[in-house]
Amino acid sequence: MSTHPVLPLRVAKGKPSAEQRAQQDRRWRARYLLLAPHRLGFFLAMLLLVASGAWWALVQLDRVSAVLALPYALSPSLVHAAVMTFGFIPLFFSGFLFTAGPKWLGVPPPEVRQLMAPLLLQATGWALWLAGAHLHALLAQAGLVLAWAGLAWATAWFWRLIHLSQAPDQLHARTVGVACLVGCLSLAGLLAGVALQAHDVARASVLTGLWGFVLVVYVSVAHRMIPFFTSSAMPLVAVWRPFWALGLMLGVAALEVAAVWVELNGPLQGSLGAVWLLTRGLLELAAGGMLLWLAVVWGLVQSLKNRLLAMLHIGFLWFGLALLLGGLSQLLGWLQGAPVLALGGLHALTMGCLASLMFAMVTRVSCGHSGRALVADRLVWTLFWL
């Protein structure tokens, strides 16, 4: 019998996958964008976000100085509202929904190359929209056609996943799918409004897209994911997401969409206008108060110990604050007979709630799918507060 020591052998793994190599390689490589849907979607969204932000800064400079003397083929306010609603946000949505959505539905995810065309159509379309705002309205309209085609294509892809699914719980995915259909209709309305020079219709279509498409996707994802993420990070906090809470948030979205079209030709006048302002203001205050309570119940205070989790909760908190500010604006308008702080609640929603939640979710998905720790370091935390 041999007395030689036995040396254990460790079997080496085979060639690492492209995704594993991307996690090990910290250098930026264009081909890595095709490894997962969120990589391509987030990249194009960030390009468009930076471009649209720089464009808006130039417009503000042009308003206070004669140095640039920019020509305008379309209202810059409408151009800004449209690209901020339908531009980079749906690209972020695609990155998230085609990464997390297949897991919700229990179906295989689509190949990234299958999503390239709809995502590139959207990015190209919105670049033409910004250029056409100064060069020619027809160029801007051509951009909207491309953007609509890309959004409709991506929506069709998501509904295909839903139809393939046998998952018993499809509520959140189907709610998102319906919201995407509203987004397609709203973007078509914007195109029609611009083509027919019906500025009120164009503006109403953008606001319909904001409340009926963008916000609905946000609250559907928030209702599903915030309690889950909180319970995962803090086991003492139980997952609690009653369906009435989702119904409340969807009801708020429906109210705001209705308000857009009720006030299509301007604020209502006379006694009917006073009743409308009072009713809308009270409903917004009540809903805002309920959402602030829900934010606390979901673990707002406990989340402050975890920066990445806190960003999600703070973003959701802004939803309630935006409704409170909007309700206060309506009541002040009722008392004074004229709109007050009309854009305050809107920007509290977009810059406070939507921007915070987007920043938090993009950070979490990017870290979780690139081999990084699910933490918000000092840089991320500082950028969040900026």
Foldseek 3Di string as FASTA:
>chain_A
DDPDDDDDDDDDDDDDDPLVVLLVDPDDDPVVCQVALLSVLVVLLVVLVVVLVVLVVVVVVVVVDVPVVFAFQDDVVLLSLQCLQLASLVSNVRSPCLHCVCVQQVHDGDGNVVLVQLSVLRSQLNVQLSVCRRVNLVSNLVSLVSNLVSLVSSLVSLVVSVVPGPDPDCVLSVQLSVLSVLLSVLSVQLSVCSVVVVVLSNVLSSQLNRLSRSQSNVLSCLLPPLLVVVCVVPVVQHRDRDVVLNVLSNVVSVVSNVVSVVQSVHQDDDPVSLVVLLVLLVSLLVSLVVQLVVLVSSPQPVCVVALLSNLLSQLSNLLSVLSNVCSVQSVVCSVVVHGDCNCVSVCSNSVRNVVSNSLSVSLQVVQVSSVHDRGQDPVSSVVSVD
